[in-house]
Amino acid sequence: MRVLDLSKLDISPDDTCDIRITVETDSECDKYPAKQHARKVAAKLGVRDGLIYLVGKATINWGDSDQPRPFRQRRYFYYLSGVEEADCYLTYDIRNDLLTLYVPNFSLQHAIWMGPTLTVDEARLRYDADRFRYFAALRGDLNAWVDQYNKDSPIYILHSTQKPEISSEGLLLDDTSLIPAMNAAREVKDEYEIRMIRKANEVSALAHRNILENIHRMSNEGEIEGLFLDTCVSHGSKNQSYEIIAGSGPNAAVLHYVKNDEDFNERQLVCLDAGAEWNCYASDVTRTIPLGKDWPSAHAKDIYAIVEEMQEECIKRVRPGLRFRDLQELAHVIAIKGLQRLGVLKIGTVEEIRQSGASSIFFPHGLGHHVGLEVHDVSAQPITANGHWPREFVPEMSTPLLQEGMVITIEPGIYFNRLALENARRLPLAKYIDLDKAEQYIPLGGVRIEDDLLVTSTGYENLTTAPKGKEMLEIIRGHRE
């Protein structure tokens, strides 16, 4: 930045000044904080010595084909490198605080056909490491480190299949400690990571809004998927955090429905679960959209209102120190009371119904999860775990506390899945469900609403700005006129 020294200027009170500040961008100022992440992982390992050795994603062709698979960097590798290039390697010498990135050797054939691979000089400008080397130097560097340190200090690897390819015998390896340490390190996001997740949500919001503005022109689930992708790619987000879910009618009750190929016909709702990815960081956004200018039925409006209440009541309680399991239980309580009002659940105390697992017939998944380099991001301990039928239909939940810097989802849902209801008839919990009444809602499918929440020092920041509720309806109505 250039600083203007006003003391050297002769300015009178009558002068008109046009003062401008020019900021010169520096390639060092916004690099991915790989070195910071490496130190954080070493701290989670709790050691002062050792070598972290990571293998990036290789270029791999499809089976029986000369066509490469779409490239997706290994997320553990990305966390310590910020590199989204194939065939790279990385080491971090903990004792010497030395992070080294190895890039592919130059290949003339590759350069002619696909363009040149990353060079050492380019890597030095783009990435946050101490040394940049070609792959040809890797074996020699590893051997030198092994000869000097490996007798007492292990090489930390993620998997036994990713051992260093060196000739030394009797290597001291540790393939059990690194993943837990990296999971713990990735749990709380730094400022750079939060910006990436926020940007992913901004692009997702643009795409969700575009769907709302054009839903009246669509007649098939595939059109939703196509427009969502078009919006994301045109705004610089070529990758999705996960396969787009655009389930209309009964398909909305299939939690991970991805066929997206059916006509709407007379269906009432579509559940759109879709999130853009930005620089390898995910967003995870779900909206349930009426296929008309208003709620098509009292059933649709009522179920949406229950899910909306579940989400709003849970979101406003997010804060550091909160046990996420308490939010999960609150969501079930609200769902039970709401379904009782509609007559879907019968008379019985809320606790009786919850303990029976009856509410999990309609809300079978966890309330949320971490978001980061994966849409279901890693952590030292998951905040919730989905239930696994037939274990009493009660989701198994862990009890970690929320921490400042975590990014989590709040995604309640209520679904009327025909197979789930048919199975429920044979279970003891059936006594709490009016199954005939519940089956009236099957054409509806289901409702899910999902936002990404950053846990702050005083509460939360909702990173998701995609329209929902009243704002969603206003957009749909405004573009149908």
Protein backbone atom coordinates (compact mmCIF):
# COMPACT_ATOMS: atom_id res chain seq x y z
CA MET A 1 0.00 0.00 0.00
CA ARG A 2 1.25 3.52 -0.80
CA VAL A 3 0.96 5.90 2.14
CA LEU A 4 0.32 9.58 1.47
CA ASP A 5 2.33 11.89 3.80
CA LEU A 6 -0.03 14.84 4.26
CA SER A 7 2.56 16.77 6.32
CA LYS A 8 4.56 17.47 3.17
CA LEU A 9 1.62 18.99 1.28
CA ASP A 10 0.77 22.67 1.28
CA ILE A 11 -3.02 22.66 1.52
CA SER A 12 -5.12 25.72 2.34
CA PRO A 13 -8.69 25.54 3.71
CA ASP A 14 -10.03 26.84 0.40
CA ASP A 15 -8.39 24.13 -1.70
CA THR A 16 -10.45 21.36 -3.26
CA CYS A 17 -8.73 18.02 -2.80
CA ASP A 18 -9.23 14.77 -4.68
CA ILE A 19 -7.45 12.22 -2.49
CA ARG A 20 -7.28 8.65 -3.73
CA ILE A 21 -5.75 5.62 -2.07
CA THR A 22 -4.19 3.02 -4.32
CA VAL A 23 -3.76 -0.51 -3.02
CA GLU A 24 -1.27 -2.70 -4.84
CA THR A 25 -2.28 -6.33 -4.63
CA ASP A 26 0.34 -8.72 -3.33
CA SER A 27 0.24 -12.35 -4.31
CA GLU A 28 1.25 -13.22 -0.73
CA CYS A 29 -1.78 -11.57 0.88
CA ASP A 30 -4.51 -14.08 0.13
CA LYS A 31 -2.81 -17.43 -0.26
CA TYR A 32 -4.49 -20.47 1.18
CA PRO A 33 -3.13 -20.72 4.78
CA ALA A 34 -1.47 -24.10 4.29
CA LYS A 35 1.43 -23.49 6.71
CA GLN A 36 -0.98 -22.42 9.43
CA HIS A 37 -2.96 -25.60 8.85
CA ALA A 38 0.17 -27.75 8.98
CA ARG A 39 1.11 -26.29 12.35
CA LYS A 40 -2.43 -26.81 13.59
CA VAL A 41 -2.35 -30.49 12.63
CA ALA A 42 1.02 -30.94 14.32
CA ALA A 43 -0.44 -29.40 17.47
CA LYS A 44 -3.37 -31.83 17.33
CA LEU A 45 -0.88 -34.68 16.94
CA GLY A 46 0.73 -33.45 20.12
CA VAL A 47 4.29 -34.15 18.93
CA ARG A 48 7.43 -32.12 18.22
CA ASP A 49 9.04 -34.50 15.76
CA GLY A 50 8.04 -36.51 12.73
CA LEU A 51 7.24 -36.09 9.06
CA ILE A 52 3.72 -35.72 7.71
CA TYR A 53 3.60 -37.29 4.24
CA LEU A 54 0.57 -36.71 2.02
CA VAL A 55 -0.22 -37.99 -1.46
CA GLY A 56 -2.37 -35.82 -3.70
CA LYS A 57 -4.95 -37.19 -6.10
CA ALA A 58 -3.44 -38.83 -9.13
CA THR A 59 -4.66 -38.55 -12.72
CA ILE A 60 -6.76 -41.67 -13.24
CA ASN A 61 -8.62 -42.86 -16.33
CA TRP A 62 -11.99 -44.54 -16.28
CA GLY A 63 -11.83 -48.33 -16.43
CA ASP A 64 -11.21 -49.65 -19.95
CA SER A 65 -10.98 -46.11 -21.27
CA ASP A 66 -8.42 -43.50 -22.30
CA GLN A 67 -10.57 -40.73 -20.76
CA PRO A 68 -9.59 -39.31 -17.36
CA ARG A 69 -12.03 -39.22 -14.50
CA PRO A 70 -13.05 -35.73 -13.35
CA PHE A 71 -10.38 -34.50 -10.97
CA ARG A 72 -11.23 -33.94 -7.31
CA GLN A 73 -8.38 -33.24 -4.93
CA ARG A 74 -8.12 -35.31 -1.77
CA ARG A 75 -9.43 -33.05 0.95
CA TYR A 76 -6.81 -33.93 3.56
CA PHE A 77 -4.14 -33.06 1.00
CA TYR A 78 -5.87 -29.81 0.12
CA TYR A 79 -6.08 -28.81 3.79
CA LEU A 80 -2.27 -28.78 4.07
CA SER A 81 -1.55 -27.44 0.59
CA GLY A 82 -4.38 -25.44 -0.98
CA VAL A 83 -3.40 -27.16 -4.24
CA GLU A 84 -6.05 -28.27 -6.68
CA GLU A 85 -3.65 -29.86 -9.17
CA ALA A 86 -3.18 -33.56 -9.91
CA ASP A 87 -0.14 -35.71 -9.10
CA CYS A 88 1.32 -33.60 -6.31
CA TYR A 89 2.93 -34.64 -3.01
CA LEU A 90 3.57 -32.86 0.26
CA THR A 91 5.72 -33.26 3.35
CA TYR A 92 5.78 -31.35 6.62
CA ASP A 93 8.85 -31.74 8.82
CA ILE A 94 7.43 -30.97 12.24
CA ARG A 95 10.75 -30.44 14.06
CA ASN A 96 12.06 -28.00 11.46
CA ASP A 97 8.66 -26.46 10.65
CA LEU A 98 9.34 -27.12 6.97
CA LEU A 99 6.44 -27.52 4.53
CA THR A 100 7.45 -28.80 1.09
CA LEU A 101 5.27 -29.13 -1.99
CA TYR A 102 6.30 -31.46 -4.83
CA VAL A 103 4.81 -30.79 -8.26
CA PRO A 104 4.84 -33.12 -11.31
CA ASN A 105 7.91 -33.33 -13.50
CA PHE A 106 7.62 -31.53 -16.81
CA SER A 107 6.19 -33.68 -19.59
CA LEU A 108 6.39 -32.44 -23.17
CA GLN A 109 3.62 -34.78 -24.32
CA HIS A 110 1.30 -33.60 -21.54
CA ALA A 111 2.12 -29.98 -22.29
CA ILE A 112 1.28 -30.40 -25.98
CA TRP A 113 -1.98 -32.23 -25.42
CA MET A 114 -3.29 -30.77 -22.16
CA GLY A 115 -1.11 -27.76 -21.43
CA PRO A 116 1.92 -27.63 -19.14
CA THR A 117 1.64 -28.83 -15.57
CA LEU A 118 2.35 -26.61 -12.58
CA THR A 119 5.95 -25.43 -12.41
CA VAL A 120 7.97 -24.81 -9.27
CA ASP A 121 8.08 -21.06 -9.97
CA GLU A 122 4.31 -20.90 -10.47
CA ALA A 123 3.73 -22.89 -7.31
CA ARG A 124 5.95 -20.53 -5.33
CA LEU A 125 3.80 -17.58 -6.37
CA ARG A 126 0.49 -19.30 -5.71
CA TYR A 127 0.91 -21.44 -2.61
CA ASP A 128 1.92 -21.09 1.02
CA ALA A 129 4.85 -23.44 1.61
CA ASP A 130 8.53 -23.19 2.48
CA ARG A 131 10.03 -25.25 -0.35
CA PHE A 132 8.83 -26.12 -3.83
CA ARG A 133 10.36 -29.08 -5.63
CA TYR A 134 9.72 -31.31 -8.61
CA PHE A 135 8.63 -34.89 -8.04
CA ALA A 136 12.05 -36.11 -9.10
CA ALA A 137 13.48 -34.76 -5.83
CA LEU A 138 10.95 -36.52 -3.57
CA ARG A 139 12.68 -39.88 -3.16
CA GLY A 140 16.04 -38.33 -2.34
CA ASP A 141 14.52 -35.88 0.15
CA LEU A 142 12.63 -38.70 1.87
CA ASN A 143 15.73 -40.86 2.11
CA ALA A 144 17.70 -37.99 3.61
CA TRP A 145 15.03 -37.35 6.23
CA VAL A 146 14.76 -41.06 7.06
CA ASP A 147 18.52 -41.39 7.51
CA GLN A 148 18.61 -38.43 9.89
CA TYR A 149 15.38 -38.69 11.88
CA ASN A 150 13.35 -41.85 11.28
CA LYS A 151 14.98 -43.96 13.96
CA ASP A 152 13.03 -42.06 16.63
CA SER A 153 10.54 -39.95 14.66
CA PRO A 154 7.78 -41.57 12.59
CA ILE A 155 6.46 -40.71 9.17
CA TYR A 156 2.77 -39.91 9.61
CA ILE A 157 0.56 -41.18 6.78
CA LEU A 158 -3.19 -41.31 6.33
CA HIS A 159 -3.46 -44.90 5.13
CA SER A 160 -1.18 -47.91 4.95
CA THR A 161 -1.66 -47.83 1.17
CA GLN A 162 0.08 -44.43 1.00
CA LYS A 163 3.52 -45.44 2.26
CA PRO A 164 6.45 -43.50 0.77
CA GLU A 165 7.94 -45.32 -2.20
CA ILE A 166 11.51 -45.45 -0.98
CA SER A 167 13.92 -48.35 -0.62
CA SER A 168 14.72 -47.91 3.09
CA GLU A 169 13.78 -50.90 5.19
CA GLY A 170 12.33 -50.84 8.67
CA LEU A 171 10.59 -47.51 8.22
CA LEU A 172 9.00 -46.14 11.37
CA LEU A 173 5.48 -45.35 10.17
CA ASP A 174 2.32 -44.18 11.94
CA ASP A 175 -0.89 -44.73 9.97
CA THR A 176 -3.34 -44.29 12.88
CA SER A 177 -2.68 -40.84 14.38
CA LEU A 178 -2.87 -38.48 11.41
CA ILE A 179 -6.54 -38.79 10.44
CA PRO A 180 -7.87 -38.06 13.98
CA ALA A 181 -5.49 -35.10 14.25
CA MET A 182 -6.56 -33.69 10.88
CA ASN A 183 -10.23 -34.25 11.69
CA ALA A 184 -9.82 -32.27 14.90
CA ALA A 185 -7.88 -29.52 13.11
CA ARG A 186 -10.54 -29.15 10.41
CA GLU A 187 -13.38 -28.90 12.92
CA VAL A 188 -13.01 -25.16 13.63
CA LYS A 189 -12.62 -22.97 10.56
CA ASP A 190 -10.27 -20.02 10.20
CA GLU A 191 -11.10 -16.69 8.59
CA TYR A 192 -10.01 -17.79 5.12
CA GLU A 193 -12.13 -20.93 5.21
CA ILE A 194 -15.17 -19.02 6.42
CA ARG A 195 -14.81 -16.61 3.47
CA MET A 196 -14.75 -19.54 1.06
CA ILE A 197 -17.88 -21.09 2.60
CA ARG A 198 -19.60 -17.71 2.58
CA LYS A 199 -18.76 -17.26 -1.11
CA ALA A 200 -20.06 -20.75 -1.91
CA ASN A 201 -23.31 -19.78 -0.22
CA GLU A 202 -23.51 -16.56 -2.21
CA VAL A 203 -23.34 -18.47 -5.48
CA SER A 204 -25.84 -21.03 -4.19
CA ALA A 205 -28.23 -18.23 -3.27
CA LEU A 206 -28.04 -16.81 -6.80
CA ALA A 207 -28.86 -20.23 -8.24
CA HIS A 208 -31.72 -20.89 -5.82
CA ARG A 209 -33.20 -17.47 -6.57
CA ASN A 210 -32.92 -18.13 -10.30
CA ILE A 211 -34.91 -21.33 -9.83
CA LEU A 212 -37.66 -19.45 -7.98
CA GLU A 213 -37.86 -16.82 -10.70
CA ASN A 214 -38.24 -19.46 -13.41
CA ILE A 215 -40.04 -22.36 -11.70
CA HIS A 216 -43.33 -21.43 -13.42
CA ARG A 217 -41.70 -22.13 -16.79
CA MET A 218 -40.49 -25.60 -15.79
CA SER A 219 -42.22 -28.94 -16.11
CA ASN A 220 -39.50 -31.45 -15.22
CA GLU A 221 -36.99 -31.97 -12.40
CA GLY A 222 -34.15 -31.98 -14.90
CA GLU A 223 -34.84 -28.37 -15.83
CA ILE A 224 -34.20 -27.37 -12.23
CA GLU A 225 -30.90 -29.22 -12.17
CA GLY A 226 -29.86 -27.69 -15.50
CA LEU A 227 -30.62 -24.11 -14.51
CA PHE A 228 -28.96 -24.49 -11.13
CA LEU A 229 -25.77 -25.78 -12.76
CA ASP A 230 -25.87 -23.08 -15.42
CA THR A 231 -26.10 -20.35 -12.78
CA CYS A 232 -23.27 -21.76 -10.69
CA VAL A 233 -20.88 -22.29 -13.58
CA SER A 234 -21.57 -18.86 -15.04
CA HIS A 235 -20.68 -17.32 -11.66
CA GLY A 236 -17.37 -19.13 -11.37
CA SER A 237 -18.40 -22.21 -9.44
CA LYS A 238 -17.81 -25.17 -11.77
CA ASN A 239 -18.21 -27.84 -9.09
CA GLN A 240 -21.10 -28.79 -6.86
CA SER A 241 -20.62 -29.80 -3.25
CA TYR A 242 -22.76 -32.89 -3.88
CA GLU A 243 -25.16 -34.26 -6.45
CA ILE A 244 -28.16 -32.00 -6.93
CA ILE A 245 -31.40 -33.27 -5.39
CA ALA A 246 -34.51 -31.99 -7.17
CA GLY A 247 -37.27 -34.31 -5.98
CA SER A 248 -40.86 -33.45 -6.78
CA GLY A 249 -43.93 -35.03 -5.17
CA PRO A 250 -43.17 -38.42 -3.60
CA ASN A 251 -39.54 -38.10 -4.72
CA ALA A 252 -39.12 -35.38 -2.08
CA ALA A 253 -39.49 -38.15 0.54
CA VAL A 254 -36.36 -39.91 -0.80
CA LEU A 255 -33.63 -38.20 1.17
CA HIS A 256 -30.87 -38.46 -1.45
CA TYR A 257 -32.93 -38.63 -4.64
CA VAL A 258 -30.69 -37.67 -7.57
CA LYS A 259 -32.39 -39.03 -10.70
CA ASN A 260 -34.02 -35.65 -11.34
CA ASP A 261 -35.80 -36.83 -14.47
CA GLU A 262 -39.54 -36.86 -13.73
CA ASP A 263 -42.28 -34.49 -14.87
CA PHE A 264 -44.09 -32.37 -12.31
CA ASN A 265 -47.57 -33.08 -13.66
CA GLU A 266 -49.92 -32.26 -10.76
CA ARG A 267 -47.33 -32.54 -8.01
CA GLN A 268 -47.42 -29.96 -5.24
CA LEU A 269 -43.84 -29.39 -4.12
CA VAL A 270 -40.24 -29.89 -5.15
CA CYS A 271 -37.42 -30.31 -2.63
CA LEU A 272 -34.26 -28.70 -4.01
CA ASP A 273 -31.12 -29.63 -2.08
CA ALA A 274 -28.21 -28.08 -3.96
CA GLY A 275 -25.05 -26.21 -3.00
CA ALA A 276 -22.21 -24.71 -4.99
CA GLU A 277 -18.56 -25.32 -4.14
CA TRP A 278 -16.01 -22.51 -4.04
CA ASN A 279 -12.27 -23.27 -4.01
CA CYS A 280 -13.01 -26.76 -2.68
CA TYR A 281 -15.23 -25.45 0.14
CA ALA A 282 -18.84 -26.56 0.30
CA SER A 283 -22.22 -25.03 0.86
CA ASP A 284 -25.29 -27.10 1.69
CA VAL A 285 -28.66 -25.49 1.03
CA THR A 286 -32.16 -26.97 0.84
CA ARG A 287 -35.38 -25.24 -0.09
CA THR A 288 -38.83 -26.75 -0.59
CA ILE A 289 -40.70 -24.92 -3.33
CA PRO A 290 -44.40 -24.95 -4.21
CA LEU A 291 -45.09 -25.75 -7.85
CA GLY A 292 -47.58 -22.92 -8.14
CA LYS A 293 -47.87 -19.31 -7.07
CA ASP A 294 -49.01 -20.27 -3.58
CA TRP A 295 -49.29 -23.26 -1.28
CA PRO A 296 -51.20 -25.82 -3.37
CA SER A 297 -52.98 -27.39 -0.38
CA ALA A 298 -53.52 -27.07 3.35
CA HIS A 299 -51.40 -30.21 3.75
CA ALA A 300 -48.42 -28.53 2.06
CA LYS A 301 -48.78 -25.29 3.98
CA ASP A 302 -49.14 -27.08 7.33
CA ILE A 303 -46.11 -29.32 6.90
CA TYR A 304 -43.96 -26.43 5.68
CA ALA A 305 -45.01 -24.39 8.74
CA ILE A 306 -43.93 -27.18 11.10
CA VAL A 307 -40.53 -27.57 9.45
CA GLU A 308 -40.08 -23.81 9.37
CA GLU A 309 -40.76 -23.67 13.11
CA MET A 310 -38.33 -26.54 13.72
CA GLN A 311 -35.59 -24.70 11.90
CA GLU A 312 -36.21 -21.23 13.31
CA GLU A 313 -36.40 -22.43 16.91
CA CYS A 314 -33.20 -24.43 16.55
CA ILE A 315 -31.26 -21.71 14.72
CA LYS A 316 -31.93 -19.03 17.30
CA ARG A 317 -30.42 -21.23 20.04
CA VAL A 318 -27.08 -21.80 18.27
CA ARG A 319 -24.16 -20.55 20.38
CA PRO A 320 -20.80 -21.76 21.70
CA GLY A 321 -21.11 -24.32 24.46
CA LEU A 322 -24.46 -25.66 23.27
CA ARG A 323 -24.83 -29.41 23.06
CA PHE A 324 -26.05 -30.07 19.53
CA ARG A 325 -27.98 -33.09 20.73
CA ASP A 326 -30.29 -30.71 22.58
CA LEU A 327 -31.23 -29.07 19.28
CA GLN A 328 -31.93 -32.46 17.72
CA GLU A 329 -34.26 -33.32 20.58
CA LEU A 330 -35.96 -29.91 20.35
CA ALA A 331 -36.61 -30.43 16.63
CA HIS A 332 -38.29 -33.77 17.38
CA VAL A 333 -40.44 -32.21 20.10
CA ILE A 334 -41.67 -29.51 17.70
CA ALA A 335 -42.31 -32.10 14.98
CA ILE A 336 -44.28 -34.32 17.37
CA LYS A 337 -46.47 -31.47 18.60
CA GLY A 338 -47.08 -30.27 15.05
CA LEU A 339 -48.00 -33.72 13.74
CA GLN A 340 -50.28 -34.24 16.72
CA ARG A 341 -52.15 -31.04 15.82
CA LEU A 342 -52.67 -32.43 12.33
CA GLY A 343 -53.81 -35.81 13.65
CA VAL A 344 -50.91 -37.70 12.06
CA LEU A 345 -49.61 -38.63 15.50
CA LYS A 346 -52.11 -39.86 18.07
CA ILE A 347 -52.61 -39.04 21.71
CA GLY A 348 -49.63 -39.75 23.93
CA THR A 349 -47.06 -37.66 25.73
CA VAL A 350 -44.34 -36.09 23.66
CA GLU A 351 -41.74 -38.08 25.58
CA GLU A 352 -43.57 -41.37 25.01
CA ILE A 353 -43.74 -40.74 21.29
CA ARG A 354 -40.11 -39.63 21.13
CA GLN A 355 -38.89 -42.68 23.01
CA SER A 356 -40.95 -44.97 20.81
CA GLY A 357 -39.18 -43.65 17.70
CA ALA A 358 -42.47 -42.74 16.01
CA SER A 359 -41.30 -39.23 15.12
CA SER A 360 -38.29 -40.70 13.32
CA ILE A 361 -40.63 -42.27 10.79
CA PHE A 362 -41.20 -38.69 9.60
CA PHE A 363 -37.83 -37.15 10.58
CA PRO A 364 -35.31 -39.98 10.06
CA HIS A 365 -32.05 -38.05 9.74
CA GLY A 366 -29.87 -35.92 11.97
CA LEU A 367 -30.57 -32.21 12.38
CA GLY A 368 -27.22 -31.19 10.95
CA HIS A 369 -23.53 -31.74 10.39
CA HIS A 370 -20.27 -29.86 9.90
CA VAL A 371 -19.58 -28.13 6.57
CA GLY A 372 -16.13 -27.39 5.15
CA LEU A 373 -13.92 -29.10 2.60
CA GLU A 374 -16.58 -31.81 2.55
CA VAL A 375 -20.28 -31.15 2.59
CA HIS A 376 -20.43 -33.60 5.50
CA ASP A 377 -17.16 -32.38 6.94
CA VAL A 378 -14.93 -34.25 9.33
CA SER A 379 -14.54 -33.41 13.02
CA ALA A 380 -13.09 -34.85 16.18
CA GLN A 381 -16.57 -36.09 17.07
CA PRO A 382 -19.68 -35.86 14.84
CA ILE A 383 -22.36 -33.57 16.22
CA THR A 384 -25.07 -36.04 15.17
CA ALA A 385 -25.22 -39.42 13.53
CA ASN A 386 -28.15 -40.61 11.47
CA GLY A 387 -30.25 -43.36 12.89
CA HIS A 388 -29.98 -46.77 11.29
CA TRP A 389 -33.18 -48.74 10.99
CA PRO A 390 -34.41 -50.90 12.67
CA ARG A 391 -32.61 -49.69 15.83
CA GLU A 392 -35.88 -48.43 17.32
CA PHE A 393 -35.94 -45.65 14.72
CA VAL A 394 -34.15 -43.38 17.20
CA PRO A 395 -31.14 -41.48 15.77
CA GLU A 396 -27.91 -42.21 17.63
CA MET A 397 -26.48 -38.93 18.87
CA SER A 398 -23.14 -37.88 20.28
CA THR A 399 -22.73 -35.03 22.73
CA PRO A 400 -19.95 -32.63 21.65
CA LEU A 401 -20.42 -28.91 22.31
CA LEU A 402 -20.52 -26.25 19.62
CA GLN A 403 -17.42 -24.06 19.36
CA GLU A 404 -16.81 -20.64 17.88
CA GLY A 405 -15.64 -21.06 14.28
CA MET A 406 -17.59 -24.23 13.54
CA VAL A 407 -19.82 -24.18 10.46
CA ILE A 408 -22.84 -26.45 10.82
CA THR A 409 -26.12 -27.07 9.07
CA ILE A 410 -29.59 -26.87 10.58
CA GLU A 411 -31.76 -28.99 8.30
CA PRO A 412 -35.00 -30.31 9.78
CA GLY A 413 -37.44 -32.17 7.59
CA ILE A 414 -40.73 -34.02 7.65
CA TYR A 415 -41.32 -36.75 5.07
CA PHE A 416 -44.10 -39.12 4.13
CA ASN A 417 -42.31 -42.05 2.58
CA ARG A 418 -44.58 -44.89 1.52
CA LEU A 419 -42.04 -47.62 2.31
CA ALA A 420 -41.34 -46.16 5.75
CA LEU A 421 -45.04 -45.98 6.56
CA GLU A 422 -45.69 -49.53 5.36
CA ASN A 423 -42.85 -50.78 7.53
CA ALA A 424 -44.15 -48.79 10.51
CA ARG A 425 -47.42 -50.75 10.45
CA ARG A 426 -45.50 -53.81 11.65
CA LEU A 427 -43.76 -52.04 14.54
CA PRO A 428 -44.92 -51.36 18.11
CA LEU A 429 -44.62 -47.62 17.49
CA ALA A 430 -47.57 -47.87 15.06
CA LYS A 431 -49.93 -47.28 17.99
CA TYR A 432 -48.83 -43.64 18.05
CA ILE A 433 -49.43 -43.04 14.33
CA ASP A 434 -52.69 -42.60 12.46
CA LEU A 435 -51.34 -44.38 9.41
CA ASP A 436 -54.44 -43.74 7.29
CA LYS A 437 -54.11 -40.03 7.99
CA ALA A 438 -50.37 -40.12 7.30
CA GLU A 439 -50.92 -41.77 3.92
CA GLN A 440 -52.98 -38.77 2.81
CA TYR A 441 -49.72 -36.81 2.83
CA ILE A 442 -47.76 -39.23 0.64
CA PRO A 443 -48.43 -37.29 -2.60
CA LEU A 444 -46.85 -34.28 -0.88
CA GLY A 445 -43.56 -36.13 -0.46
CA GLY A 446 -41.73 -34.10 2.12
CA VAL A 447 -40.37 -30.75 3.23
CA ARG A 448 -36.79 -29.93 4.18
CA ILE A 449 -35.24 -26.51 4.87
CA GLU A 450 -31.48 -26.18 5.37
CA ASP A 451 -29.09 -23.34 6.16
CA ASP A 452 -25.37 -23.15 6.99
CA LEU A 453 -24.61 -21.54 10.35
CA LEU A 454 -21.30 -20.09 11.53
CA VAL A 455 -20.97 -20.33 15.30
CA THR A 456 -19.73 -16.94 16.54
CA SER A 457 -18.52 -15.79 19.96
CA THR A 458 -21.99 -14.50 20.83
CA GLY A 459 -24.28 -16.78 18.84
CA TYR A 460 -24.33 -17.41 15.12
CA GLU A 461 -24.20 -15.95 11.63
CA ASN A 462 -26.44 -17.48 9.00
CA LEU A 463 -24.21 -17.81 5.93
CA THR A 464 -27.12 -18.92 3.73
CA THR A 465 -29.05 -16.17 1.97
CA ALA A 466 -31.17 -18.24 -0.44
CA PRO A 467 -34.81 -17.10 -0.16
CA LYS A 468 -37.23 -19.17 1.89
CA GLY A 469 -40.65 -18.80 3.51
CA LYS A 470 -42.46 -15.56 2.71
CA GLU A 471 -39.62 -14.18 0.63
CA MET A 472 -39.66 -17.33 -1.49
CA LEU A 473 -43.39 -17.03 -2.13
CA GLU A 474 -43.10 -13.35 -3.03
CA ILE A 475 -40.47 -14.12 -5.67
CA ILE A 476 -42.56 -16.93 -7.18
CA ARG A 477 -45.69 -14.77 -7.28
CA GLY A 478 -43.85 -11.79 -8.68
CA HIS A 479 -42.52 -13.78 -11.65
CA ARG A 480 -45.83 -15.48 -12.46
CA GLU A 481 -47.67 -12.28 -13.27
